[in-house]
Amino acid sequence: MKKAPPTKKSKQGHKITTKHSHSNILIAQRARLLRRLKIEPVTTIQARHELDILAPAPRIYELRHQLGHNIQTYWQVEETPEGKAHRVALYVLLSGKYRSAKL
């Protein structure tokens, strides 16, 4: 009998699968990231460790510019699982279409 993949609870109490048995092609990474953003905001560290997306910034760029998702970036200092403090992005999915800032 197969065991269910390991899960943990998000800050809002949603179950999140933590097993990395998925594809790492770009479309799959974008899909995982968007699915998670629809549940809760995601930090760079969470994307790397929980979603197995080693470069989340390019995936966010693609979700914004290619697919039009309105994702806001907020900067914060967070500790990695290894105990080091880093300035990381917190990505938040907002309603509406993404519009780039005019310079």
PDB file of N, CA and C in Angstrom:
ATOM      1  N   MET A   1       0.838  -1.175   0.000  1.00  0.00           N
ATOM      2  CA  MET A   1       0.000   0.000   0.000  1.00  0.00           C
ATOM      3  C   MET A   1       0.889   1.246   0.000  1.00  0.00           C
ATOM      4  N   LYS A   2       0.579   2.217  -0.869  1.00  0.00           N
ATOM      5  CA  LYS A   2       1.347   3.449  -0.965  1.00  0.00           C
ATOM      6  C   LYS A   2       0.993   4.393   0.165  1.00  0.00           C
ATOM      7  N   LYS A   3       2.029   5.076   0.678  1.00  0.00           N
ATOM      8  CA  LYS A   3       1.804   6.097   1.685  1.00  0.00           C
ATOM      9  C   LYS A   3       1.462   7.408   1.008  1.00  0.00           C
ATOM     10  N   ALA A   4       0.664   8.206   1.681  1.00  0.00           N
ATOM     11  CA  ALA A   4       0.376   9.552   1.173  1.00  0.00           C
ATOM     12  C   ALA A   4       1.634  10.398   1.303  1.00  0.00           C
ATOM     13  N   PRO A   5       1.843  11.352   0.370  1.00  0.00           N
ATOM     14  CA  PRO A   5       3.011  12.215   0.482  1.00  0.00           C
ATOM     15  C   PRO A   5       2.965  13.029   1.771  1.00  0.00           C
ATOM     16  N   PRO A   6       4.152  13.372   2.322  1.00  0.00           N
ATOM     17  CA  PRO A   6       4.172  14.165   3.542  1.00  0.00           C
ATOM     18  C   PRO A   6       3.477  15.511   3.325  1.00  0.00           C
ATOM     19  N   THR A   7       2.808  15.984   4.357  1.00  0.00           N
ATOM     20  CA  THR A   7       2.135  17.284   4.257  1.00  0.00           C
ATOM     21  C   THR A   7       2.499  18.134   5.457  1.00  0.00           C
ATOM     22  N   LYS A   8       2.288  19.428   5.304  1.00  0.00           N
ATOM     23  CA  LYS A   8       2.394  20.350   6.424  1.00  0.00           C
ATOM     24  C   LYS A   8       1.279  21.355   6.258  1.00  0.00           C
ATOM     25  N   LYS A   9       1.057  22.168   7.250  1.00  0.00           N
ATOM     26  CA  LYS A   9      -0.012  23.161   7.206  1.00  0.00           C
ATOM     27  C   LYS A   9       0.567  24.524   6.835  1.00  0.00           C
ATOM     28  N   SER A  10      -0.137  25.242   5.961  1.00  0.00           N
ATOM     29  CA  SER A  10       0.237  26.614   5.633  1.00  0.00           C
ATOM     30  C   SER A  10      -0.188  27.510   6.790  1.00  0.00           C
ATOM     31  N   LYS A  11       0.178  28.776   6.726  1.00  0.00           N
ATOM     32  CA  LYS A  11      -0.191  29.724   7.773  1.00  0.00           C
ATOM     33  C   LYS A  11      -1.706  29.845   7.905  1.00  0.00           C
ATOM     34  N   GLN A  12      -2.436  29.610   6.809  1.00  0.00           N
ATOM     35  CA  GLN A  12      -3.891  29.687   6.847  1.00  0.00           C
ATOM     36  C   GLN A  12      -4.535  28.344   7.184  1.00  0.00           C
ATOM     37  N   GLY A  13      -3.734  27.304   7.441  1.00  0.00           N
ATOM     38  CA  GLY A  13      -4.260  26.011   7.827  1.00  0.00           C
ATOM     39  C   GLY A  13      -4.509  25.045   6.680  1.00  0.00           C
ATOM     40  N   HIS A  14      -4.137  25.424   5.443  1.00  0.00           N
ATOM     41  CA  HIS A  14      -4.311  24.532   4.300  1.00  0.00           C
ATOM     42  C   HIS A  14      -3.228  23.453   4.319  1.00  0.00           C
ATOM     43  N   LYS A  15      -3.578  22.235   3.903  1.00  0.00           N
ATOM     44  CA  LYS A  15      -2.578  21.176   3.786  1.00  0.00           C
ATOM     45  C   LYS A  15      -1.721  21.422   2.552  1.00  0.00           C
ATOM     46  N   ILE A  16      -0.395  21.266   2.703  1.00  0.00           N
ATOM     47  CA  ILE A  16       0.543  21.468   1.604  1.00  0.00           C
ATOM     48  C   ILE A  16       1.426  20.230   1.506  1.00  0.00           C
ATOM     49  N   THR A  17       1.441  19.611   0.335  1.00  0.00           N
ATOM     50  CA  THR A  17       2.295  18.450   0.118  1.00  0.00           C
ATOM     51  C   THR A  17       3.738  18.912   0.014  1.00  0.00           C
ATOM     52  N   THR A  18       4.642  18.209   0.712  1.00  0.00           N
ATOM     53  CA  THR A  18       6.044  18.612   0.717  1.00  0.00           C
ATOM     54  C   THR A  18       6.948  17.654  -0.047  1.00  0.00           C
ATOM     55  N   LYS A  19       6.421  16.554  -0.549  1.00  0.00           N
ATOM     56  CA  LYS A  19       7.236  15.600  -1.299  1.00  0.00           C
ATOM     57  C   LYS A  19       7.531  16.154  -2.686  1.00  0.00           C
ATOM     58  N   HIS A  20       8.786  16.042  -3.131  1.00  0.00           N
ATOM     59  CA  HIS A  20       9.198  16.579  -4.423  1.00  0.00           C
ATOM     60  C   HIS A  20       9.220  15.472  -5.479  1.00  0.00           C
ATOM     61  N   SER A  21       8.042  15.017  -5.873  1.00  0.00           N
ATOM     62  CA  SER A  21       7.957  13.995  -6.905  1.00  0.00           C
ATOM     63  C   SER A  21       7.266  14.586  -8.125  1.00  0.00           C
ATOM     64  N   HIS A  22       7.857  15.655  -8.665  1.00  0.00           N
ATOM     65  CA  HIS A  22       7.224  16.356  -9.764  1.00  0.00           C
ATOM     66  C   HIS A  22       8.284  16.787 -10.769  1.00  0.00           C
ATOM     67  N   SER A  23       7.832  17.253 -11.875  1.00  0.00           N
ATOM     68  CA  SER A  23       8.716  17.688 -12.944  1.00  0.00           C
ATOM     69  C   SER A  23       9.297  19.061 -12.651  1.00  0.00           C
ATOM     70  N   ASN A  24      10.494  19.292 -13.136  1.00  0.00           N
ATOM     71  CA  ASN A  24      11.102  20.608 -12.981  1.00  0.00           C
ATOM     72  C   ASN A  24      11.167  21.378 -14.287  1.00  0.00           C
ATOM     73  N   ILE A  25      10.355  20.974 -15.276  1.00  0.00           N
ATOM     74  CA  ILE A  25      10.282  21.795 -16.478  1.00  0.00           C
ATOM     75  C   ILE A  25       9.624  23.116 -16.093  1.00  0.00           C
ATOM     76  N   LEU A  26       9.907  24.164 -16.844  1.00  0.00           N
ATOM     77  CA  LEU A  26       9.457  25.509 -16.470  1.00  0.00           C
ATOM     78  C   LEU A  26       7.949  25.613 -16.298  1.00  0.00           C
ATOM     79  N   ILE A  27       7.201  25.008 -17.185  1.00  0.00           N
ATOM     80  CA  ILE A  27       5.742  25.101 -17.089  1.00  0.00           C
ATOM     81  C   ILE A  27       5.242  24.458 -15.795  1.00  0.00           C
ATOM     82  N   ALA A  28       5.861  23.383 -15.362  1.00  0.00           N
ATOM     83  CA  ALA A  28       5.466  22.722 -14.117  1.00  0.00           C
ATOM     84  C   ALA A  28       5.843  23.583 -12.910  1.00  0.00           C
ATOM     85  N   GLN A  29       7.004  24.221 -12.958  1.00  0.00           N
ATOM     86  CA  GLN A  29       7.407  25.113 -11.870  1.00  0.00           C
ATOM     87  C   GLN A  29       6.448  26.296 -11.756  1.00  0.00           C
ATOM     88  N   ARG A  30       6.100  26.888 -12.901  1.00  0.00           N
ATOM     89  CA  ARG A  30       5.154  28.010 -12.879  1.00  0.00           C
ATOM     90  C   ARG A  30       3.805  27.567 -12.316  1.00  0.00           C
ATOM     91  N   ALA A  31       3.348  26.384 -12.704  1.00  0.00           N
ATOM     92  CA  ALA A  31       2.059  25.872 -12.233  1.00  0.00           C
ATOM     93  C   ALA A  31       2.086  25.648 -10.719  1.00  0.00           C
ATOM     94  N   ARG A  32       3.170  25.058 -10.191  1.00  0.00           N
ATOM     95  CA  ARG A  32       3.286  24.842  -8.747  1.00  0.00           C
ATOM     96  C   ARG A  32       3.278  26.167  -7.997  1.00  0.00           C
ATOM     97  N   LEU A  33       4.034  27.120  -8.513  1.00  0.00           N
ATOM     98  CA  LEU A  33       4.137  28.417  -7.853  1.00  0.00           C
ATOM     99  C   LEU A  33       2.787  29.140  -7.871  1.00  0.00           C
ATOM    100  N   LEU A  34       2.107  29.152  -9.000  1.00  0.00           N
ATOM    101  CA  LEU A  34       0.813  29.818  -9.105  1.00  0.00           C
ATOM    102  C   LEU A  34      -0.220  29.137  -8.211  1.00  0.00           C
ATOM    103  N   ARG A  35      -0.218  27.816  -8.188  1.00  0.00           N
ATOM    104  CA  ARG A  35      -1.152  27.066  -7.339  1.00  0.00           C
ATOM    105  C   ARG A  35      -0.963  27.472  -5.876  1.00  0.00           C
ATOM    106  N   ARG A  36       0.296  27.586  -5.442  1.00  0.00           N
ATOM    107  CA  ARG A  36       0.591  27.965  -4.055  1.00  0.00           C
ATOM    108  C   ARG A  36       0.223  29.426  -3.791  1.00  0.00           C
ATOM    109  N   LEU A  37       0.503  30.320  -4.755  1.00  0.00           N
ATOM    110  CA  LEU A  37       0.167  31.732  -4.589  1.00  0.00           C
ATOM    111  C   LEU A  37      -1.339  31.948  -4.451  1.00  0.00           C
ATOM    112  N   LYS A  38      -2.137  31.069  -5.038  1.00  0.00           N
ATOM    113  CA  LYS A  38      -3.590  31.175  -4.903  1.00  0.00           C
ATOM    114  C   LYS A  38      -4.047  30.819  -3.495  1.00  0.00           C
ATOM    115  N   ILE A  39      -3.195  30.124  -2.744  1.00  0.00           N
ATOM    116  CA  ILE A  39      -3.494  29.747  -1.358  1.00  0.00           C
ATOM    117  C   ILE A  39      -2.953  30.787  -0.385  1.00  0.00           C
ATOM    118  N   GLU A  40      -1.685  31.207  -0.594  1.00  0.00           N
ATOM    119  CA  GLU A  40      -1.022  32.114   0.331  1.00  0.00           C
ATOM    120  C   GLU A  40       0.207  32.738  -0.325  1.00  0.00           C
ATOM    121  N   PRO A  41       0.705  33.855   0.233  1.00  0.00           N
ATOM    122  CA  PRO A  41       1.951  34.430  -0.274  1.00  0.00           C
ATOM    123  C   PRO A  41       3.111  33.439  -0.106  1.00  0.00           C
ATOM    124  N   VAL A  42       4.127  33.601  -0.950  1.00  0.00           N
ATOM    125  CA  VAL A  42       5.276  32.682  -0.957  1.00  0.00           C
ATOM    126  C   VAL A  42       6.564  33.495  -0.918  1.00  0.00           C
ATOM    127  N   THR A  43       7.499  33.099  -0.055  1.00  0.00           N
ATOM    128  CA  THR A  43       8.812  33.735  -0.031  1.00  0.00           C
ATOM    129  C   THR A  43       9.763  32.977  -0.955  1.00  0.00           C
ATOM    130  N   THR A  44      10.874  33.617  -1.260  1.00  0.00           N
ATOM    131  CA  THR A  44      11.915  32.968  -2.055  1.00  0.00           C
ATOM    132  C   THR A  44      12.356  31.669  -1.392  1.00  0.00           C
ATOM    133  N   ILE A  45      12.535  31.705  -0.092  1.00  0.00           N
ATOM    134  CA  ILE A  45      13.002  30.523   0.649  1.00  0.00           C
ATOM    135  C   ILE A  45      11.969  29.400   0.567  1.00  0.00           C
ATOM    136  N   GLN A  46      10.684  29.728   0.718  1.00  0.00           N
ATOM    137  CA  GLN A  46       9.636  28.708   0.606  1.00  0.00           C
ATOM    138  C   GLN A  46       9.614  28.110  -0.794  1.00  0.00           C
ATOM    139  N   ALA A  47       9.737  28.954  -1.807  1.00  0.00           N
ATOM    140  CA  ALA A  47       9.726  28.449  -3.180  1.00  0.00           C
ATOM    141  C   ALA A  47      10.866  27.469  -3.401  1.00  0.00           C
ATOM    142  N   ARG A  48      12.017  27.782  -2.864  1.00  0.00           N
ATOM    143  CA  ARG A  48      13.178  26.891  -3.035  1.00  0.00           C
ATOM    144  C   ARG A  48      13.043  25.600  -2.257  1.00  0.00           C
ATOM    145  N   HIS A  49      12.680  25.693  -0.990  1.00  0.00           N
ATOM    146  CA  HIS A  49      12.685  24.512  -0.123  1.00  0.00           C
ATOM    147  C   HIS A  49      11.397  23.697  -0.183  1.00  0.00           C
ATOM    148  N   GLU A  50      10.254  24.350  -0.341  1.00  0.00           N
ATOM    149  CA  GLU A  50       8.986  23.618  -0.305  1.00  0.00           C
ATOM    150  C   GLU A  50       8.448  23.285  -1.693  1.00  0.00           C
ATOM    151  N   LEU A  51       8.747  24.134  -2.680  1.00  0.00           N
ATOM    152  CA  LEU A  51       8.224  23.910  -4.030  1.00  0.00           C
ATOM    153  C   LEU A  51       9.283  23.409  -4.998  1.00  0.00           C
ATOM    154  N   ASP A  52      10.537  23.317  -4.545  1.00  0.00           N
ATOM    155  CA  ASP A  52      11.652  22.843  -5.363  1.00  0.00           C
ATOM    156  C   ASP A  52      11.844  23.708  -6.610  1.00  0.00           C
ATOM    157  N   ILE A  53      11.725  25.023  -6.427  1.00  0.00           N
ATOM    158  CA  ILE A  53      11.959  25.988  -7.503  1.00  0.00           C
ATOM    159  C   ILE A  53      13.180  26.794  -7.087  1.00  0.00           C
ATOM    160  N   LEU A  54      14.336  26.465  -7.649  1.00  0.00           N
ATOM    161  CA  LEU A  54      15.579  27.078  -7.197  1.00  0.00           C
ATOM    162  C   LEU A  54      15.725  28.530  -7.619  1.00  0.00           C
ATOM    163  N   ALA A  55      15.070  28.932  -8.697  1.00  0.00           N
ATOM    164  CA  ALA A  55      15.124  30.317  -9.164  1.00  0.00           C
ATOM    165  C   ALA A  55      13.698  30.850  -9.290  1.00  0.00           C
ATOM    166  N   PRO A  56      13.071  31.241  -8.175  1.00  0.00           N
ATOM    167  CA  PRO A  56      11.682  31.685  -8.251  1.00  0.00           C
ATOM    168  C   PRO A  56      11.491  33.027  -8.957  1.00  0.00           C
ATOM    169  N   ALA A  57      12.472  33.930  -8.906  1.00  0.00           N
ATOM    170  CA  ALA A  57      12.305  35.251  -9.530  1.00  0.00           C
ATOM    171  C   ALA A  57      11.998  35.160 -11.029  1.00  0.00           C
ATOM    172  N   PRO A  58      12.714  34.338 -11.801  1.00  0.00           N
ATOM    173  CA  PRO A  58      12.352  34.225 -13.222  1.00  0.00           C
ATOM    174  C   PRO A  58      10.957  33.633 -13.445  1.00  0.00           C
ATOM    175  N   ARG A  59      10.529  32.713 -12.562  1.00  0.00           N
ATOM    176  CA  ARG A  59       9.184  32.144 -12.708  1.00  0.00           C
ATOM    177  C   ARG A  59       8.128  33.217 -12.415  1.00  0.00           C
ATOM    178  N   ILE A  60       8.375  34.082 -11.434  1.00  0.00           N
ATOM    179  CA  ILE A  60       7.463  35.184 -11.137  1.00  0.00           C
ATOM    180  C   ILE A  60       7.402  36.135 -12.326  1.00  0.00           C
ATOM    181  N   TYR A  61       8.561  36.444 -12.904  1.00  0.00           N
ATOM    182  CA  TYR A  61       8.621  37.319 -14.079  1.00  0.00           C
ATOM    183  C   TYR A  61       7.753  36.745 -15.203  1.00  0.00           C
ATOM    184  N   GLU A  62       7.885  35.433 -15.449  1.00  0.00           N
ATOM    185  CA  GLU A  62       7.102  34.793 -16.511  1.00  0.00           C
ATOM    186  C   GLU A  62       5.605  34.828 -16.201  1.00  0.00           C
ATOM    187  N   LEU A  63       5.246  34.571 -14.950  1.00  0.00           N
ATOM    188  CA  LEU A  63       3.829  34.617 -14.569  1.00  0.00           C
ATOM    189  C   LEU A  63       3.259  36.015 -14.775  1.00  0.00           C
ATOM    190  N   ARG A  64       4.065  37.027 -14.508  1.00  0.00           N
ATOM    191  CA  ARG A  64       3.617  38.415 -14.695  1.00  0.00           C
ATOM    192  C   ARG A  64       3.557  38.798 -16.168  1.00  0.00           C
ATOM    193  N   HIS A  65       4.687  38.681 -16.840  1.00  0.00           N
ATOM    194  CA  HIS A  65       4.842  39.253 -18.179  1.00  0.00           C
ATOM    195  C   HIS A  65       4.302  38.377 -19.309  1.00  0.00           C
ATOM    196  N   GLN A  66       4.334  37.072 -19.144  1.00  0.00           N
ATOM    197  CA  GLN A  66       3.829  36.190 -20.192  1.00  0.00           C
ATOM    198  C   GLN A  66       2.365  35.839 -19.974  1.00  0.00           C
ATOM    199  N   LEU A  67       1.969  35.694 -18.704  1.00  0.00           N
ATOM    200  CA  LEU A  67       0.616  35.225 -18.412  1.00  0.00           C
ATOM    201  C   LEU A  67      -0.272  36.291 -17.772  1.00  0.00           C
ATOM    202  N   GLY A  68       0.290  37.435 -17.423  1.00  0.00           N
ATOM    203  CA  GLY A  68      -0.499  38.560 -16.939  1.00  0.00           C
ATOM    204  C   GLY A  68      -0.957  38.518 -15.493  1.00  0.00           C
ATOM    205  N   HIS A  69      -0.394  37.614 -14.674  1.00  0.00           N
ATOM    206  CA  HIS A  69      -0.807  37.532 -13.266  1.00  0.00           C
ATOM    207  C   HIS A  69      -0.259  38.721 -12.484  1.00  0.00           C
ATOM    208  N   ASN A  70      -1.111  39.299 -11.654  1.00  0.00           N
ATOM    209  CA  ASN A  70      -0.752  40.477 -10.871  1.00  0.00           C
ATOM    210  C   ASN A  70      -0.093  40.024  -9.569  1.00  0.00           C
ATOM    211  N   ILE A  71       1.225  39.922  -9.585  1.00  0.00           N
ATOM    212  CA  ILE A  71       1.982  39.457  -8.425  1.00  0.00           C
ATOM    213  C   ILE A  71       2.833  40.617  -7.926  1.00  0.00           C
ATOM    214  N   GLN A  72       2.639  40.971  -6.650  1.00  0.00           N
ATOM    215  CA  GLN A  72       3.384  42.059  -6.014  1.00  0.00           C
ATOM    216  C   GLN A  72       4.550  41.462  -5.228  1.00  0.00           C
ATOM    217  N   THR A  73       5.676  42.168  -5.210  1.00  0.00           N
ATOM    218  CA  THR A  73       6.843  41.742  -4.443  1.00  0.00           C
ATOM    219  C   THR A  73       7.046  42.672  -3.261  1.00  0.00           C
ATOM    220  N   TYR A  74       7.188  42.094  -2.081  1.00  0.00           N
ATOM    221  CA  TYR A  74       7.525  42.829  -0.864  1.00  0.00           C
ATOM    222  C   TYR A  74       8.835  42.259  -0.343  1.00  0.00           C
ATOM    223  N   TRP A  75       9.704  43.113   0.163  1.00  0.00           N
ATOM    224  CA  TRP A  75      11.004  42.662   0.656  1.00  0.00           C
ATOM    225  C   TRP A  75      10.984  42.548   2.169  1.00  0.00           C
ATOM    226  N   GLN A  76      11.587  41.478   2.673  1.00  0.00           N
ATOM    227  CA  GLN A  76      11.665  41.245   4.116  1.00  0.00           C
ATOM    228  C   GLN A  76      12.929  40.464   4.440  1.00  0.00           C
ATOM    229  N   VAL A  77      13.304  40.462   5.698  1.00  0.00           N
ATOM    230  CA  VAL A  77      14.446  39.671   6.148  1.00  0.00           C
ATOM    231  C   VAL A  77      13.887  38.408   6.783  1.00  0.00           C
ATOM    232  N   GLU A  78      14.398  37.263   6.335  1.00  0.00           N
ATOM    233  CA  GLU A  78      13.918  35.975   6.834  1.00  0.00           C
ATOM    234  C   GLU A  78      15.103  35.058   7.043  1.00  0.00           C
ATOM    235  N   GLU A  79      14.963  34.142   7.974  1.00  0.00           N
ATOM    236  CA  GLU A  79      16.012  33.191   8.259  1.00  0.00           C
ATOM    237  C   GLU A  79      15.819  31.934   7.418  1.00  0.00           C
ATOM    238  N   THR A  80      16.909  31.436   6.832  1.00  0.00           N
ATOM    239  CA  THR A  80      16.855  30.195   6.069  1.00  0.00           C
ATOM    240  C   THR A  80      16.759  29.013   7.041  1.00  0.00           C
ATOM    241  N   PRO A  81      16.417  27.820   6.547  1.00  0.00           N
ATOM    242  CA  PRO A  81      16.411  26.642   7.418  1.00  0.00           C
ATOM    243  C   PRO A  81      17.782  26.384   8.051  1.00  0.00           C
ATOM    244  N   GLU A  82      18.825  26.919   7.421  1.00  0.00           N
ATOM    245  CA  GLU A  82      20.179  26.741   7.946  1.00  0.00           C
ATOM    246  C   GLU A  82      20.536  27.784   9.014  1.00  0.00           C
ATOM    247  N   GLY A  83      19.616  28.737   9.265  1.00  0.00           N
ATOM    248  CA  GLY A  83      19.813  29.705  10.332  1.00  0.00           C
ATOM    249  C   GLY A  83      20.448  31.027   9.923  1.00  0.00           C
ATOM    250  N   LYS A  84      20.568  31.310   8.657  1.00  0.00           N
ATOM    251  CA  LYS A  84      21.163  32.555   8.171  1.00  0.00           C
ATOM    252  C   LYS A  84      20.066  33.543   7.783  1.00  0.00           C
ATOM    253  N   ALA A  85      20.240  34.808   8.162  1.00  0.00           N
ATOM    254  CA  ALA A  85      19.276  35.848   7.799  1.00  0.00           C
ATOM    255  C   ALA A  85      19.584  36.368   6.399  1.00  0.00           C
ATOM    256  N   HIS A  86      18.539  36.497   5.574  1.00  0.00           N
ATOM    257  CA  HIS A  86      18.679  36.999   4.201  1.00  0.00           C
ATOM    258  C   HIS A  86      17.522  37.932   3.887  1.00  0.00           C
ATOM    259  N   ARG A  87      17.783  38.903   3.020  1.00  0.00           N
ATOM    260  CA  ARG A  87      16.712  39.745   2.475  1.00  0.00           C
ATOM    261  C   ARG A  87      16.078  38.941   1.347  1.00  0.00           C
ATOM    262  N   VAL A  88      14.797  38.637   1.487  1.00  0.00           N
ATOM    263  CA  VAL A  88      14.122  37.788   0.511  1.00  0.00           C
ATOM    264  C   VAL A  88      12.831  38.450   0.041  1.00  0.00           C
ATOM    265  N   ALA A  89      12.366  38.008  -1.094  1.00  0.00           N
ATOM    266  CA  ALA A  89      11.106  38.502  -1.640  1.00  0.00           C
ATOM    267  C   ALA A  89       9.945  37.707  -1.051  1.00  0.00           C
ATOM    268  N   LEU A  90       8.859  38.418  -0.805  1.00  0.00           N
ATOM    269  CA  LEU A  90       7.582  37.799  -0.472  1.00  0.00           C
ATOM    270  C   LEU A  90       6.664  38.116  -1.639  1.00  0.00           C
ATOM    271  N   TYR A  91       6.214  37.094  -2.348  1.00  0.00           N
ATOM    272  CA  TYR A  91       5.371  37.262  -3.526  1.00  0.00           C
ATOM    273  C   TYR A  91       3.907  37.092  -3.128  1.00  0.00           C
ATOM    274  N   VAL A  92       3.077  38.058  -3.542  1.00  0.00           N
ATOM    275  CA  VAL A  92       1.659  38.053  -3.200  1.00  0.00           C
ATOM    276  C   VAL A  92       0.854  38.188  -4.488  1.00  0.00           C
ATOM    277  N   LEU A  93      -0.065  37.252  -4.709  1.00  0.00           N
ATOM    278  CA  LEU A  93      -0.946  37.292  -5.877  1.00  0.00           C
ATOM    279  C   LEU A  93      -2.132  38.203  -5.576  1.00  0.00           C
ATOM    280  N   LEU A  94      -2.324  39.214  -6.423  1.00  0.00           N
ATOM    281  CA  LEU A  94      -3.430  40.156  -6.280  1.00  0.00           C
ATOM    282  C   LEU A  94      -4.428  39.940  -7.413  1.00  0.00           C
ATOM    283  N   SER A  95      -5.594  40.498  -7.271  1.00  0.00           N
ATOM    284  CA  SER A  95      -6.592  40.378  -8.337  1.00  0.00           C
ATOM    285  C   SER A  95      -6.225  41.315  -9.488  1.00  0.00           C
ATOM    286  N   GLY A  96      -6.811  41.076 -10.619  1.00  0.00           N
ATOM    287  CA  GLY A  96      -6.571  41.918 -11.786  1.00  0.00           C
ATOM    288  C   GLY A  96      -5.365  41.479 -12.593  1.00  0.00           C
ATOM    289  N   LYS A  97      -5.119  42.207 -13.663  1.00  0.00           N
ATOM    290  CA  LYS A  97      -3.995  41.916 -14.568  1.00  0.00           C
ATOM    291  C   LYS A  97      -2.767  42.711 -14.157  1.00  0.00           C
ATOM    292  N   TYR A  98      -1.607  42.156 -14.435  1.00  0.00           N
ATOM    293  CA  TYR A  98      -0.346  42.838 -14.136  1.00  0.00           C
ATOM    294  C   TYR A  98      -0.126  43.966 -15.132  1.00  0.00           C
ATOM    295  N   ARG A  99       0.271  45.111 -14.618  1.00  0.00           N
ATOM    296  CA  ARG A  99       0.676  46.237 -15.459  1.00  0.00           C
ATOM    297  C   ARG A  99       2.036  46.697 -14.970  1.00  0.00           C
ATOM    298  N   SER A 100       3.018  46.693 -15.850  1.00  0.00           N
ATOM    299  CA  SER A 100       4.366  47.089 -15.439  1.00  0.00           C
ATOM    300  C   SER A 100       4.399  48.577 -15.142  1.00  0.00           C
ATOM    301  N   ALA A 101       5.306  48.969 -14.264  1.00  0.00           N
ATOM    302  CA  ALA A 101       5.448  50.375 -13.886  1.00  0.00           C
ATOM    303  C   ALA A 101       6.011  51.164 -15.045  1.00  0.00           C
ATOM    304  N   LYS A 102       5.490  52.329 -15.267  1.00  0.00           N
ATOM    305  CA  LYS A 102       6.009  53.228 -16.310  1.00  0.00           C
ATOM    306  C   LYS A 102       7.162  54.020 -15.717  1.00  0.00           C
ATOM    307  N   LEU A 103       8.253  54.090 -16.455  1.00  0.00           N
ATOM    308  CA  LEU A 103       9.413  54.851 -15.968  1.00  0.00           C
ATOM    309  C   LEU A 103       9.375  56.276 -16.430  1.00  0.00           C
TER     310      LEU A 103
END
